[in-house]
Every structure is written in structure tokens, then in C-alpha cells.
PDB file of N, CA and C in Angstrom:
ATOM      1  N   MET A   1      -8.320  35.341   8.831  1.00  0.00           N
ATOM      2  CA  MET A   1      -8.459  33.171   9.128  1.00  0.00           C
ATOM      3  C   MET A   1      -7.376  33.045  10.168  1.00  0.00           C
ATOM      4  N   THR A   2      -7.913  32.487  10.893  1.00  0.00           N
ATOM      5  CA  THR A   2      -6.950  31.710  12.205  1.00  0.00           C
ATOM      6  C   THR A   2      -6.707  30.432  12.288  1.00  0.00           C
ATOM      7  N   ILE A   3      -5.441  29.817  12.642  1.00  0.00           N
ATOM      8  CA  ILE A   3      -4.797  28.487  11.994  1.00  0.00           C
ATOM      9  C   ILE A   3      -6.147  27.165  12.818  1.00  0.00           C
ATOM     10  N   THR A   4      -6.687  28.185  13.432  1.00  0.00           N
ATOM     11  CA  THR A   4      -7.936  26.477  14.280  1.00  0.00           C
ATOM     12  C   THR A   4      -8.917  27.372  12.740  1.00  0.00           C
ATOM     13  N   LEU A   5      -9.677  28.020  11.987  1.00  0.00           N
ATOM     14  CA  LEU A   5     -10.527  28.087  11.564  1.00  0.00           C
ATOM     15  C   LEU A   5      -9.941  27.431   9.937  1.00  0.00           C
ATOM     16  N   PHE A   6      -8.432  27.616   9.863  1.00  0.00           N
ATOM     17  CA  PHE A   6      -7.759  27.065   8.492  1.00  0.00           C
ATOM     18  C   PHE A   6      -7.996  25.451   8.734  1.00  0.00           C
ATOM     19  N   LYS A   7      -7.285  24.970   9.580  1.00  0.00           N
ATOM     20  CA  LYS A   7      -7.815  23.519   9.912  1.00  0.00           C
ATOM     21  C   LYS A   7      -8.465  23.135  10.058  1.00  0.00           C
ATOM     22  N   GLU A   8     -10.015  23.766  10.264  1.00  0.00           N
ATOM     23  CA  GLU A   8     -11.704  22.923  10.702  1.00  0.00           C
ATOM     24  C   GLU A   8     -11.981  23.452   9.152  1.00  0.00           C
ATOM     25  N   SER A   9     -11.159  24.169   8.220  1.00  0.00           N
ATOM     26  CA  SER A   9     -11.605  23.494   6.798  1.00  0.00           C
ATOM     27  C   SER A   9     -11.483  22.694   6.221  1.00  0.00           C
ATOM     28  N   LEU A  10     -10.577  21.767   6.429  1.00  0.00           N
ATOM     29  CA  LEU A  10     -10.450  20.685   6.242  1.00  0.00           C
ATOM     30  C   LEU A  10     -11.050  19.347   5.605  1.00  0.00           C
ATOM     31  N   SER A  11     -12.491  19.398   6.925  1.00  0.00           N
ATOM     32  CA  SER A  11     -13.330  19.198   6.584  1.00  0.00           C
ATOM     33  C   SER A  11     -14.425  19.256   5.884  1.00  0.00           C
ATOM     34  N   ALA A  12     -14.047  20.515   4.703  1.00  0.00           N
ATOM     35  CA  ALA A  12     -14.885  20.516   3.781  1.00  0.00           C
ATOM     36  C   ALA A  12     -14.105  20.043   2.611  1.00  0.00           C
ATOM     37  N   ASN A  13     -14.836  20.110   1.581  1.00  0.00           N
ATOM     38  CA  ASN A  13     -14.615  19.170  -0.003  1.00  0.00           C
ATOM     39  C   ASN A  13     -13.685  20.169  -0.803  1.00  0.00           C
ATOM     40  N   GLU A  14     -13.927  21.325  -0.504  1.00  0.00           N
ATOM     41  CA  GLU A  14     -13.301  22.505  -1.259  1.00  0.00           C
ATOM     42  C   GLU A  14     -12.358  23.379  -0.382  1.00  0.00           C
ATOM     43  N   PRO A  15     -11.029  23.798  -0.586  1.00  0.00           N
ATOM     44  CA  PRO A  15     -10.488  24.936   0.030  1.00  0.00           C
ATOM     45  C   PRO A  15     -11.397  26.208   0.116  1.00  0.00           C
ATOM     46  N   PRO A  16     -11.022  27.000   1.162  1.00  0.00           N
ATOM     47  CA  PRO A  16     -11.905  28.400   1.457  1.00  0.00           C
ATOM     48  C   PRO A  16     -11.998  29.105   0.287  1.00  0.00           C
ATOM     49  N   GLN A  17     -12.685  30.000   0.001  1.00  0.00           N
ATOM     50  CA  GLN A  17     -12.757  30.666  -0.986  1.00  0.00           C
ATOM     51  C   GLN A  17     -11.858  31.856  -0.794  1.00  0.00           C
ATOM     52  N   ASN A  18     -10.947  32.642  -1.739  1.00  0.00           N
ATOM     53  CA  ASN A  18      -9.990  33.903  -1.810  1.00  0.00           C
ATOM     54  C   ASN A  18      -8.829  33.585  -0.541  1.00  0.00           C
ATOM     55  N   ILE A  19      -8.697  31.967  -0.308  1.00  0.00           N
ATOM     56  CA  ILE A  19      -7.501  32.156   0.262  1.00  0.00           C
ATOM     57  C   ILE A  19      -5.807  31.591  -0.769  1.00  0.00           C
ATOM     58  N   SER A  20      -4.427  31.898   0.026  1.00  0.00           N
ATOM     59  CA  SER A  20      -3.304  32.200  -1.434  1.00  0.00           C
ATOM     60  C   SER A  20      -3.287  30.854  -2.089  1.00  0.00           C
ATOM     61  N   ALA A  21      -2.309  30.770  -2.968  1.00  0.00           N
ATOM     62  CA  ALA A  21      -2.232  29.800  -3.259  1.00  0.00           C
ATOM     63  C   ALA A  21      -0.938  29.139  -2.674  1.00  0.00           C
ATOM     64  N   TYR A  22      -0.507  29.174  -1.458  1.00  0.00           N
ATOM     65  CA  TYR A  22       0.245  28.617  -0.238  1.00  0.00           C
ATOM     66  C   TYR A  22      -0.624  28.259   0.296  1.00  0.00           C
ATOM     67  N   LEU A  23      -2.008  29.005   0.918  1.00  0.00           N
ATOM     68  CA  LEU A  23      -2.710  28.466   1.800  1.00  0.00           C
ATOM     69  C   LEU A  23      -3.391  26.938   0.862  1.00  0.00           C
ATOM     70  N   LYS A  24      -4.099  26.884  -0.646  1.00  0.00           N
ATOM     71  CA  LYS A  24      -4.645  26.140  -0.780  1.00  0.00           C
ATOM     72  C   LYS A  24      -3.085  24.434  -1.193  1.00  0.00           C
ATOM     73  N   ALA A  25      -1.528  25.092  -1.500  1.00  0.00           N
ATOM     74  CA  ALA A  25      -0.885  24.208  -1.890  1.00  0.00           C
ATOM     75  C   ALA A  25      -1.098  23.443  -0.110  1.00  0.00           C
ATOM     76  N   LEU A  26      -1.105  24.008   1.496  1.00  0.00           N
ATOM     77  CA  LEU A  26      -1.350  23.065   2.361  1.00  0.00           C
ATOM     78  C   LEU A  26      -2.497  22.068   2.604  1.00  0.00           C
ATOM     79  N   TRP A  27      -3.702  23.336   2.461  1.00  0.00           N
ATOM     80  CA  TRP A  27      -4.894  22.667   2.855  1.00  0.00           C
ATOM     81  C   TRP A  27      -4.644  21.063   1.667  1.00  0.00           C
ATOM     82  N   ASN A  28      -4.334  21.319   0.696  1.00  0.00           N
ATOM     83  CA  ASN A  28      -4.236  19.994  -0.568  1.00  0.00           C
ATOM     84  C   ASN A  28      -3.715  18.928   0.051  1.00  0.00           C
ATOM     85  N   ASP A  29      -2.346  19.365   0.444  1.00  0.00           N
ATOM     86  CA  ASP A  29      -1.458  18.513   1.503  1.00  0.00           C
ATOM     87  C   ASP A  29      -2.064  17.459   2.712  1.00  0.00           C
ATOM     88  N   ALA A  30      -2.941  18.492   3.278  1.00  0.00           N
ATOM     89  CA  ALA A  30      -3.355  17.848   4.413  1.00  0.00           C
ATOM     90  C   ALA A  30      -4.592  16.924   4.256  1.00  0.00           C
ATOM     91  N   LYS A  31      -4.939  17.593   2.910  1.00  0.00           N
ATOM     92  CA  LYS A  31      -6.403  16.022   2.296  1.00  0.00           C
ATOM     93  C   LYS A  31      -5.593  14.780   1.813  1.00  0.00           C
ATOM     94  N   GLY A  32      -4.407  15.148   1.540  1.00  0.00           N
ATOM     95  CA  GLY A  32      -4.172  13.973   0.811  1.00  0.00           C
ATOM     96  C   GLY A  32      -3.226  14.130  -0.233  1.00  0.00           C
ATOM     97  N   GLU A  33      -3.375  14.815  -1.187  1.00  0.00           N
ATOM     98  CA  GLU A  33      -3.394  15.403  -2.391  1.00  0.00           C
ATOM     99  C   GLU A  33      -2.034  16.335  -2.649  1.00  0.00           C
ATOM    100  N   TRP A  34      -1.000  15.256  -2.164  1.00  0.00           N
ATOM    101  CA  TRP A  34       0.621  15.252  -2.276  1.00  0.00           C
ATOM    102  C   TRP A  34       0.921  16.340  -3.897  1.00  0.00           C
ATOM    103  N   ASP A  35       0.186  15.832  -4.963  1.00  0.00           N
ATOM    104  CA  ASP A  35       0.809  16.400  -6.496  1.00  0.00           C
ATOM    105  C   ASP A  35      -0.152  17.693  -6.678  1.00  0.00           C
ATOM    106  N   LYS A  36      -1.584  17.153  -6.164  1.00  0.00           N
ATOM    107  CA  LYS A  36      -2.265  18.804  -6.440  1.00  0.00           C
ATOM    108  C   LYS A  36      -1.262  19.769  -5.631  1.00  0.00           C
ATOM    109  N   ALA A  37      -1.477  20.168  -4.629  1.00  0.00           N
ATOM    110  CA  ALA A  37      -0.105  20.702  -3.511  1.00  0.00           C
ATOM    111  C   ALA A  37       1.500  21.238  -3.895  1.00  0.00           C
ATOM    112  N   HIS A  38       1.837  19.747  -5.078  1.00  0.00           N
ATOM    113  CA  HIS A  38       3.163  20.000  -5.392  1.00  0.00           C
ATOM    114  C   HIS A  38       2.958  21.324  -6.342  1.00  0.00           C
ATOM    115  N   ASN A  39       1.716  20.876  -7.363  1.00  0.00           N
ATOM    116  CA  ASN A  39       1.618  21.021  -8.928  1.00  0.00           C
ATOM    117  C   ASN A  39       1.234  22.769  -8.234  1.00  0.00           C
ATOM    118  N   LEU A  40       0.725  23.416  -7.510  1.00  0.00           N
ATOM    119  CA  LEU A  40       0.224  24.653  -6.944  1.00  0.00           C
ATOM    120  C   LEU A  40       1.430  25.009  -6.766  1.00  0.00           C
ATOM    121  N   ILE A  41       2.588  24.930  -5.904  1.00  0.00           N
ATOM    122  CA  ILE A  41       3.662  25.545  -5.368  1.00  0.00           C
ATOM    123  C   ILE A  41       4.661  25.751  -6.477  1.00  0.00           C
ATOM    124  N   GLN A  42       5.088  24.990  -6.893  1.00  0.00           N
ATOM    125  CA  GLN A  42       6.632  24.364  -7.488  1.00  0.00           C
ATOM    126  C   GLN A  42       7.173  25.431  -8.731  1.00  0.00           C
ATOM    127  N   ASP A  43       6.201  26.105  -9.275  1.00  0.00           N
ATOM    128  CA  ASP A  43       6.292  27.660 -10.079  1.00  0.00           C
ATOM    129  C   ASP A  43       6.443  28.760  -9.896  1.00  0.00           C
ATOM    130  N   ILE A  44       6.256  29.095  -8.151  1.00  0.00           N
ATOM    131  CA  ILE A  44       5.951  30.000  -7.236  1.00  0.00           C
ATOM    132  C   ILE A  44       7.058  30.369  -7.230  1.00  0.00           C
ATOM    133  N   GLU A  45       8.106  31.503  -7.188  1.00  0.00           N
ATOM    134  CA  GLU A  45       9.847  31.980  -7.464  1.00  0.00           C
ATOM    135  C   GLU A  45       9.527  32.740  -5.754  1.00  0.00           C
ATOM    136  N   ASP A  46       9.003  32.213  -4.939  1.00  0.00           N
ATOM    137  CA  ASP A  46       9.243  33.421  -3.559  1.00  0.00           C
ATOM    138  C   ASP A  46       9.919  32.496  -2.564  1.00  0.00           C
ATOM    139  N   LYS A  47      10.123  33.099  -1.446  1.00  0.00           N
ATOM    140  CA  LYS A  47      10.742  32.053  -0.213  1.00  0.00           C
ATOM    141  C   LYS A  47       9.770  31.680   0.229  1.00  0.00           C
ATOM    142  N   LYS A  48       8.316  31.625   0.229  1.00  0.00           N
ATOM    143  CA  LYS A  48       7.884  31.163   1.118  1.00  0.00           C
ATOM    144  C   LYS A  48       7.017  29.926   0.453  1.00  0.00           C
ATOM    145  N   ALA A  49       6.929  30.106  -1.019  1.00  0.00           N
ATOM    146  CA  ALA A  49       6.511  28.702  -2.186  1.00  0.00           C
ATOM    147  C   ALA A  49       7.610  28.049  -1.319  1.00  0.00           C
ATOM    148  N   ALA A  50       9.133  28.206  -1.763  1.00  0.00           N
ATOM    149  CA  ALA A  50      10.204  27.452  -1.492  1.00  0.00           C
ATOM    150  C   ALA A  50      10.118  27.002   0.086  1.00  0.00           C
ATOM    151  N   TRP A  51       9.401  27.308   1.030  1.00  0.00           N
ATOM    152  CA  TRP A  51       9.466  26.456   2.504  1.00  0.00           C
ATOM    153  C   TRP A  51       8.313  25.426   2.341  1.00  0.00           C
ATOM    154  N   ILE A  52       7.117  25.663   1.191  1.00  0.00           N
ATOM    155  CA  ILE A  52       6.079  24.659   1.441  1.00  0.00           C
ATOM    156  C   ILE A  52       6.788  23.567   0.312  1.00  0.00           C
ATOM    157  N   HIS A  53       7.710  23.862  -0.723  1.00  0.00           N
ATOM    158  CA  HIS A  53       8.399  23.526  -1.126  1.00  0.00           C
ATOM    159  C   HIS A  53       9.037  22.295  -0.637  1.00  0.00           C
ATOM    160  N   ALA A  54       9.825  22.741   0.150  1.00  0.00           N
ATOM    161  CA  ALA A  54      10.626  22.164   0.832  1.00  0.00           C
ATOM    162  C   ALA A  54      10.036  21.102   1.760  1.00  0.00           C
ATOM    163  N   TYR A  55       9.066  21.544   2.589  1.00  0.00           N
ATOM    164  CA  TYR A  55       7.969  20.670   2.973  1.00  0.00           C
ATOM    165  C   TYR A  55       7.915  19.541   2.497  1.00  0.00           C
ATOM    166  N   LEU A  56       7.117  19.973   1.746  1.00  0.00           N
ATOM    167  CA  LEU A  56       6.597  18.608   0.693  1.00  0.00           C
ATOM    168  C   LEU A  56       7.277  17.850   0.364  1.00  0.00           C
ATOM    169  N   HIS A  57       8.900  17.510  -0.101  1.00  0.00           N
ATOM    170  CA  HIS A  57      10.048  16.994  -0.615  1.00  0.00           C
ATOM    171  C   HIS A  57      10.726  16.238   0.694  1.00  0.00           C
ATOM    172  N   ARG A  58      10.440  17.242   2.284  1.00  0.00           N
ATOM    173  CA  ARG A  58      10.613  16.161   3.061  1.00  0.00           C
ATOM    174  C   ARG A  58       9.581  15.350   3.216  1.00  0.00           C
ATOM    175  N   LYS A  59       8.134  15.619   3.099  1.00  0.00           N
ATOM    176  CA  LYS A  59       7.282  14.480   3.216  1.00  0.00           C
ATOM    177  C   LYS A  59       7.360  13.702   2.566  1.00  0.00           C
ATOM    178  N   GLU A  60       7.970  13.323   1.392  1.00  0.00           N
ATOM    179  CA  GLU A  60       8.122  12.474   0.478  1.00  0.00           C
ATOM    180  C   GLU A  60       9.071  11.583   0.511  1.00  0.00           C
ATOM    181  N   GLY A  61      10.073  12.014   1.872  1.00  0.00           N
ATOM    182  CA  GLY A  61      11.507  11.437   1.789  1.00  0.00           C
ATOM    183  C   GLY A  61      12.696  11.845   1.076  1.00  0.00           C
ATOM    184  N   ASP A  62      12.317  12.712   0.098  1.00  0.00           N
ATOM    185  CA  ASP A  62      13.575  13.165  -0.347  1.00  0.00           C
ATOM    186  C   ASP A  62      13.938  14.359   0.361  1.00  0.00           C
ATOM    187  N   ASN A  63      15.054  14.275   0.946  1.00  0.00           N
ATOM    188  CA  ASN A  63      15.478  15.280   1.921  1.00  0.00           C
ATOM    189  C   ASN A  63      16.488  15.265   1.153  1.00  0.00           C
ATOM    190  N   ALA A  64      16.850  14.998   0.210  1.00  0.00           N
ATOM    191  CA  ALA A  64      18.258  16.333  -1.057  1.00  0.00           C
ATOM    192  C   ALA A  64      17.665  17.089  -1.291  1.00  0.00           C
ATOM    193  N   ASN A  65      16.529  16.696  -1.704  1.00  0.00           N
ATOM    194  CA  ASN A  65      15.864  18.012  -2.620  1.00  0.00           C
ATOM    195  C   ASN A  65      15.248  18.700  -1.956  1.00  0.00           C
ATOM    196  N   ALA A  66      14.903  18.240  -0.409  1.00  0.00           N
ATOM    197  CA  ALA A  66      14.062  19.339   0.737  1.00  0.00           C
ATOM    198  C   ALA A  66      15.404  20.403   1.038  1.00  0.00           C
ATOM    199  N   ASP A  67      16.380  19.754   1.229  1.00  0.00           N
ATOM    200  CA  ASP A  67      17.560  20.698   1.404  1.00  0.00           C
ATOM    201  C   ASP A  67      17.688  21.607   0.598  1.00  0.00           C
ATOM    202  N   TYR A  68      17.416  21.233  -0.571  1.00  0.00           N
ATOM    203  CA  TYR A  68      18.059  22.667  -1.386  1.00  0.00           C
ATOM    204  C   TYR A  68      16.833  23.395  -1.604  1.00  0.00           C
ATOM    205  N   TRP A  69      15.488  23.000  -1.076  1.00  0.00           N
ATOM    206  CA  TRP A  69      14.291  23.646  -1.271  1.00  0.00           C
ATOM    207  C   TRP A  69      14.438  24.397  -0.096  1.00  0.00           C
ATOM    208  N   TYR A  70      14.746  23.989   1.122  1.00  0.00           N
ATOM    209  CA  TYR A  70      15.057  24.774   2.430  1.00  0.00           C
ATOM    210  C   TYR A  70      15.796  25.934   2.349  1.00  0.00           C
ATOM    211  N   SER A  71      16.488  25.440   2.068  1.00  0.00           N
ATOM    212  CA  SER A  71      18.437  26.781   0.905  1.00  0.00           C
ATOM    213  C   SER A  71      17.268  27.868   0.705  1.00  0.00           C
ATOM    214  N   ARG A  72      16.834  27.651  -0.219  1.00  0.00           N
ATOM    215  CA  ARG A  72      16.468  28.908  -1.205  1.00  0.00           C
ATOM    216  C   ARG A  72      15.140  30.131   0.131  1.00  0.00           C
ATOM    217  N   ALA A  73      14.266  29.100   0.583  1.00  0.00           N
ATOM    218  CA  ALA A  73      13.774  29.668   1.810  1.00  0.00           C
ATOM    219  C   ALA A  73      14.542  30.550   2.797  1.00  0.00           C
ATOM    220  N   GLY A  74      15.584  30.394   2.566  1.00  0.00           N
ATOM    221  CA  GLY A  74      16.631  30.720   3.660  1.00  0.00           C
ATOM    222  C   GLY A  74      15.844  30.026   5.425  1.00  0.00           C
ATOM    223  N   LYS A  75      16.019  28.727   5.086  1.00  0.00           N
ATOM    224  CA  LYS A  75      15.700  27.834   6.143  1.00  0.00           C
ATOM    225  C   LYS A  75      16.949  26.776   6.142  1.00  0.00           C
ATOM    226  N   ARG A  76      16.732  25.626   7.462  1.00  0.00           N
ATOM    227  CA  ARG A  76      17.141  24.354   7.361  1.00  0.00           C
ATOM    228  C   ARG A  76      16.339  23.560   7.868  1.00  0.00           C
ATOM    229  N   ARG A  77      16.522  22.331   7.192  1.00  0.00           N
ATOM    230  CA  ARG A  77      15.047  21.407   7.195  1.00  0.00           C
ATOM    231  C   ARG A  77      14.789  21.020   9.144  1.00  0.00           C
ATOM    232  N   PRO A  78      13.742  21.462   9.437  1.00  0.00           N
ATOM    233  CA  PRO A  78      13.787  21.344  10.716  1.00  0.00           C
ATOM    234  C   PRO A  78      13.927  19.792  11.194  1.00  0.00           C
ATOM    235  N   ASP A  79      13.472  19.847  12.765  1.00  0.00           N
ATOM    236  CA  ASP A  79      13.615  18.802  13.628  1.00  0.00           C
ATOM    237  C   ASP A  79      12.657  18.525  14.537  1.00  0.00           C
ATOM    238  N   VAL A  80      11.463  18.725  13.631  1.00  0.00           N
ATOM    239  CA  VAL A  80      10.293  18.406  14.426  1.00  0.00           C
ATOM    240  C   VAL A  80       9.384  17.578  13.078  1.00  0.00           C
ATOM    241  N   SER A  81       8.138  17.225  13.667  1.00  0.00           N
ATOM    242  CA  SER A  81       7.554  16.641  13.151  1.00  0.00           C
ATOM    243  C   SER A  81       6.604  17.082  11.967  1.00  0.00           C
ATOM    244  N   LEU A  82       6.701  16.152  11.166  1.00  0.00           N
ATOM    245  CA  LEU A  82       5.464  16.965   9.473  1.00  0.00           C
ATOM    246  C   LEU A  82       4.611  17.597  10.067  1.00  0.00           C
ATOM    247  N   GLU A  83       3.789  17.610  11.104  1.00  0.00           N
ATOM    248  CA  GLU A  83       2.446  18.265  11.638  1.00  0.00           C
ATOM    249  C   GLU A  83       2.679  19.374  12.206  1.00  0.00           C
ATOM    250  N   LYS A  84       4.263  18.777  12.856  1.00  0.00           N
ATOM    251  CA  LYS A  84       4.684  20.529  13.668  1.00  0.00           C
ATOM    252  C   LYS A  84       4.927  21.465  12.317  1.00  0.00           C
ATOM    253  N   GLU A  85       5.532  20.935  11.686  1.00  0.00           N
ATOM    254  CA  GLU A  85       6.413  22.025  10.424  1.00  0.00           C
ATOM    255  C   GLU A  85       5.179  22.579   9.740  1.00  0.00           C
ATOM    256  N   TRP A  86       4.044  21.724   9.483  1.00  0.00           N
ATOM    257  CA  TRP A  86       2.979  22.125   8.278  1.00  0.00           C
ATOM    258  C   TRP A  86       2.199  23.252   9.375  1.00  0.00           C
ATOM    259  N   GLU A  87       1.644  22.971  10.382  1.00  0.00           N
ATOM    260  CA  GLU A  87       1.452  24.134  11.127  1.00  0.00           C
ATOM    261  C   GLU A  87       2.217  25.592  11.118  1.00  0.00           C
ATOM    262  N   GLU A  88       3.204  25.218  11.311  1.00  0.00           N
ATOM    263  CA  GLU A  88       4.144  26.290  11.002  1.00  0.00           C
ATOM    264  C   GLU A  88       3.831  27.463   9.840  1.00  0.00           C
ATOM    265  N   ILE A  89       4.095  25.938   8.812  1.00  0.00           N
ATOM    266  CA  ILE A  89       4.101  26.974   7.724  1.00  0.00           C
ATOM    267  C   ILE A  89       2.211  27.559   7.567  1.00  0.00           C
ATOM    268  N   ALA A  90       1.282  26.741   8.030  1.00  0.00           N
ATOM    269  CA  ALA A  90       0.363  27.364   7.514  1.00  0.00           C
ATOM    270  C   ALA A  90       0.056  28.844   8.496  1.00  0.00           C
ATOM    271  N   ALA A  91       0.789  28.899  10.081  1.00  0.00           N
ATOM    272  CA  ALA A  91       0.837  29.722  10.730  1.00  0.00           C
ATOM    273  C   ALA A  91       1.640  30.815   9.854  1.00  0.00           C
ATOM    274  N   ALA A  92       2.064  31.008   9.581  1.00  0.00           N
ATOM    275  CA  ALA A  92       2.825  31.929   9.302  1.00  0.00           C
ATOM    276  C   ALA A  92       2.326  32.938   7.742  1.00  0.00           C
ATOM    277  N   MET A  93       1.735  31.327   6.591  1.00  0.00           N
ATOM    278  CA  MET A  93       1.030  31.923   5.611  1.00  0.00           C
ATOM    279  C   MET A  93       0.038  32.908   6.072  1.00  0.00           C
ATOM    280  N   LEU A  94      -0.785  32.421   7.178  1.00  0.00           N
ATOM    281  CA  LEU A  94      -2.016  33.474   7.803  1.00  0.00           C
ATOM    282  C   LEU A  94      -1.669  34.770   7.447  1.00  0.00           C
TER     283      LEU A  94
END
């Protein structure tokens, strides 16, 4: 799957079949389902999940919590729009 196809899938009512939990979380976030996205990602213990978790808390406006998760992901809070970061994360997860 490409980033273009993934973004096009946002017009559907359900995420694409056979995508990772990371992509399901990003898909739900893009559909306005922050809580669902957070619930999907919060118990996965790796750097990819930590990056998404950080992004979600940045989007929520909780920068202190976001910074904790960015640290767990081995990253720093970016100085780009949330939309740009979402796309960067999605591309990395594909």
C-alpha cells in the first residue's frame, strides 16, 4: 500500500483489511476518533507505537506527555504541522 492509497482509504467507513495496529490507529485518528486511536496504540511497547502515542498527545495539546512519548520513540517533538507529522508517521509505517 502507498501513502496515497492509505489516505484515499479515509473515505471508507472501515480501515483497510490486513493493516497493522499502527496504521489502524492513524486511520482512526484521521477519522476524528482520537480515543479509538489512543486505545489501539497505548499498550504496544515499541518505538513505532511510542511515536504514534507521542503524536496523539501532541494533537491533544498535552506537550509534556507527548515529549515523554517522543523520548520513548527516540525522537524529539517536531516543529511541523500535525498534518505533516501524521503523513510522515503513516509513510514510515507503510
